[in-house]
Amino acid sequence: MIDFILILILCAIAWYWWDTSYCNELAFKSCQSHCDATGVQLLDNSVSRQRVWLRRSESGSIQLCRLYNFEYSDDSETRHYGYIVLLGHQVAETRLESQLMH
């Protein structure tokens, strides 16, 4: 019985690692696309995961929600900040600092 529980725990850890890697890549590509569409430059070619929590989706299921921050520039000199929220494997929200101020 202990072997079965250990295998289950290892499978859960492997799934979480794979899912997190997939979401990191999804967040990066979404940020890159959003920055390209708005005419700004994604700096450092990276996003940084800040927080992970459970949240109920519109369909009623509970999913992992992830918050990522990123930096961008609109004039090649000034750094601005934005964020992206993933609910499961869907982009729930993307904001740039200039959009936050309005």
C-alpha atoms as a PDB file:
ATOM      1  CA  MET A   1       0.000   0.000   0.000  1.00  0.00           C
ATOM      2  CA  ILE A   2       2.828   2.414   0.820  1.00  0.00           C
ATOM      3  CA  ASP A   3       4.411   1.707  -2.573  1.00  0.00           C
ATOM      4  CA  PHE A   4       1.156   2.628  -4.300  1.00  0.00           C
ATOM      5  CA  ILE A   5       0.912   5.918  -2.374  1.00  0.00           C
ATOM      6  CA  LEU A   6       4.540   6.730  -3.161  1.00  0.00           C
ATOM      7  CA  ILE A   7       3.960   6.079  -6.880  1.00  0.00           C
ATOM      8  CA  LEU A   8       0.840   8.262  -6.752  1.00  0.00           C
ATOM      9  CA  ILE A   9       2.789  11.112  -5.129  1.00  0.00           C
ATOM     10  CA  LEU A  10       5.587  10.824  -7.690  1.00  0.00           C
ATOM     11  CA  CYS A  11       3.047  10.884 -10.533  1.00  0.00           C
ATOM     12  CA  ALA A  12       1.408  13.998  -9.052  1.00  0.00           C
ATOM     13  CA  ILE A  13       4.787  15.736  -8.791  1.00  0.00           C
ATOM     14  CA  ALA A  14       5.658  14.794 -12.394  1.00  0.00           C
ATOM     15  CA  TRP A  15       2.260  16.037 -13.638  1.00  0.00           C
ATOM     16  CA  TYR A  16       2.636  19.350 -11.764  1.00  0.00           C
ATOM     17  CA  TRP A  17       6.157  19.861 -13.170  1.00  0.00           C
ATOM     18  CA  TRP A  18       4.982  19.118 -16.730  1.00  0.00           C
ATOM     19  CA  ASP A  19       1.876  21.333 -16.388  1.00  0.00           C
ATOM     20  CA  THR A  20       3.912  24.195 -14.922  1.00  0.00           C
ATOM     21  CA  SER A  21       6.467  23.971 -17.744  1.00  0.00           C
ATOM     22  CA  TYR A  22       3.667  24.044 -20.308  1.00  0.00           C
ATOM     23  CA  CYS A  23       1.997  27.057 -18.649  1.00  0.00           C
ATOM     24  CA  ASN A  24       5.316  28.926 -18.405  1.00  0.00           C
ATOM     25  CA  GLU A  25       5.788  28.517 -22.158  1.00  0.00           C
ATOM     26  CA  LEU A  26       2.168  29.483 -22.833  1.00  0.00           C
ATOM     27  CA  ALA A  27       2.508  32.627 -20.696  1.00  0.00           C
ATOM     28  CA  PHE A  28       5.729  33.615 -22.475  1.00  0.00           C
ATOM     29  CA  LYS A  29       4.256  33.149 -25.961  1.00  0.00           C
ATOM     30  CA  SER A  30       1.076  35.016 -24.987  1.00  0.00           C
ATOM     31  CA  CYS A  31       3.085  37.933 -23.575  1.00  0.00           C
ATOM     32  CA  GLN A  32       5.231  38.027 -26.686  1.00  0.00           C
ATOM     33  CA  SER A  33       2.143  38.097 -28.922  1.00  0.00           C
ATOM     34  CA  HIS A  34       0.435  40.756 -26.795  1.00  0.00           C
ATOM     35  CA  CYS A  35       3.545  42.956 -26.823  1.00  0.00           C
ATOM     36  CA  ASP A  36       3.903  42.564 -30.601  1.00  0.00           C
ATOM     37  CA  ALA A  37       0.224  43.440 -31.111  1.00  0.00           C
ATOM     38  CA  THR A  38       0.467  46.570 -28.952  1.00  0.00           C
ATOM     39  CA  GLY A  39       3.775  47.734 -30.468  1.00  0.00           C
ATOM     40  CA  VAL A  40       5.968  47.362 -27.385  1.00  0.00           C
ATOM     41  CA  GLN A  41       9.081  45.288 -26.759  1.00  0.00           C
ATOM     42  CA  LEU A  42       9.088  42.400 -24.273  1.00  0.00           C
ATOM     43  CA  LEU A  43      12.271  42.842 -22.251  1.00  0.00           C
ATOM     44  CA  ASP A  44      14.605  40.040 -21.192  1.00  0.00           C
ATOM     45  CA  ASN A  45      12.493  37.590 -23.237  1.00  0.00           C
ATOM     46  CA  SER A  46      11.034  36.211 -20.036  1.00  0.00           C
ATOM     47  CA  VAL A  47       8.049  36.113 -17.726  1.00  0.00           C
ATOM     48  CA  SER A  48       8.208  35.521 -13.998  1.00  0.00           C
ATOM     49  CA  ARG A  49       5.641  33.410 -12.177  1.00  0.00           C
ATOM     50  CA  GLN A  50       4.591  35.271  -9.039  1.00  0.00           C
ATOM     51  CA  ARG A  51       1.732  33.295  -7.589  1.00  0.00           C
ATOM     52  CA  VAL A  52      -0.260  30.073  -7.977  1.00  0.00           C
ATOM     53  CA  TRP A  53      -3.674  29.463  -6.410  1.00  0.00           C
ATOM     54  CA  LEU A  54      -6.869  27.504  -6.943  1.00  0.00           C
ATOM     55  CA  ARG A  55      -9.816  29.258  -8.583  1.00  0.00           C
ATOM     56  CA  ARG A  56     -13.216  28.183  -9.839  1.00  0.00           C
ATOM     57  CA  SER A  57     -13.691  28.522 -13.606  1.00  0.00           C
ATOM     58  CA  GLU A  58     -16.892  29.687 -15.303  1.00  0.00           C
ATOM     59  CA  SER A  59     -17.871  26.063 -15.851  1.00  0.00           C
ATOM     60  CA  GLY A  60     -17.650  25.458 -12.102  1.00  0.00           C
ATOM     61  CA  SER A  61     -14.536  23.287 -12.060  1.00  0.00           C
ATOM     62  CA  ILE A  62     -11.574  24.150  -9.847  1.00  0.00           C
ATOM     63  CA  GLN A  63      -8.383  24.939 -11.758  1.00  0.00           C
ATOM     64  CA  LEU A  64      -4.917  26.236 -11.057  1.00  0.00           C
ATOM     65  CA  CYS A  65      -4.609  29.970 -11.597  1.00  0.00           C
ATOM     66  CA  ARG A  66      -1.161  31.425 -12.253  1.00  0.00           C
ATOM     67  CA  LEU A  67      -0.007  35.049 -12.187  1.00  0.00           C
ATOM     68  CA  TYR A  68       3.048  36.054 -14.243  1.00  0.00           C
ATOM     69  CA  ASN A  69       4.809  39.432 -14.360  1.00  0.00           C
ATOM     70  CA  PHE A  70       6.867  40.746 -17.245  1.00  0.00           C
ATOM     71  CA  GLU A  71       8.700  43.904 -18.243  1.00  0.00           C
ATOM     72  CA  TYR A  72       8.345  45.778 -21.505  1.00  0.00           C
ATOM     73  CA  SER A  73       9.471  49.006 -23.114  1.00  0.00           C
ATOM     74  CA  ASP A  74       7.664  51.324 -25.470  1.00  0.00           C
ATOM     75  CA  ASP A  75      10.653  53.581 -26.188  1.00  0.00           C
ATOM     76  CA  SER A  76      13.711  51.290 -25.696  1.00  0.00           C
ATOM     77  CA  GLU A  77      14.731  53.276 -22.600  1.00  0.00           C
ATOM     78  CA  THR A  78      11.963  53.045 -20.018  1.00  0.00           C
ATOM     79  CA  ARG A  79      10.939  49.839 -18.285  1.00  0.00           C
ATOM     80  CA  HIS A  80       7.259  49.218 -17.664  1.00  0.00           C
ATOM     81  CA  TYR A  81       5.514  46.290 -16.039  1.00  0.00           C
ATOM     82  CA  GLY A  82       2.658  44.082 -17.073  1.00  0.00           C
ATOM     83  CA  TYR A  83       1.029  40.894 -15.954  1.00  0.00           C
ATOM     84  CA  ILE A  84      -0.758  37.896 -17.371  1.00  0.00           C
ATOM     85  CA  VAL A  85      -3.144  35.537 -15.596  1.00  0.00           C
ATOM     86  CA  LEU A  86      -3.657  31.948 -16.738  1.00  0.00           C
ATOM     87  CA  LEU A  87      -6.669  29.974 -15.578  1.00  0.00           C
ATOM     88  CA  GLY A  88      -5.815  26.385 -16.353  1.00  0.00           C
ATOM     89  CA  HIS A  89      -4.383  26.562 -19.866  1.00  0.00           C
ATOM     90  CA  GLN A  90      -6.355  29.643 -20.921  1.00  0.00           C
ATOM     91  CA  VAL A  91      -5.250  33.267 -20.767  1.00  0.00           C
ATOM     92  CA  ALA A  92      -7.749  34.962 -18.459  1.00  0.00           C
ATOM     93  CA  GLU A  93      -6.239  38.461 -18.491  1.00  0.00           C
ATOM     94  CA  THR A  94      -3.251  40.416 -19.820  1.00  0.00           C
ATOM     95  CA  ARG A  95      -2.479  43.988 -18.752  1.00  0.00           C
ATOM     96  CA  LEU A  96       0.234  46.496 -19.451  1.00  0.00           C
ATOM     97  CA  GLU A  97       1.173  49.204 -16.935  1.00  0.00           C
ATOM     98  CA  SER A  98      -0.206  51.923 -19.202  1.00  0.00           C
ATOM     99  CA  GLN A  99      -3.553  50.073 -19.276  1.00  0.00           C
ATOM    100  CA  LEU A 100      -3.550  49.801 -15.477  1.00  0.00           C
ATOM    101  CA  MET A 101      -3.393  53.572 -15.042  1.00  0.00           C
ATOM    102  CA  HIS A 102      -6.529  54.277 -17.069  1.00  0.00           C
END
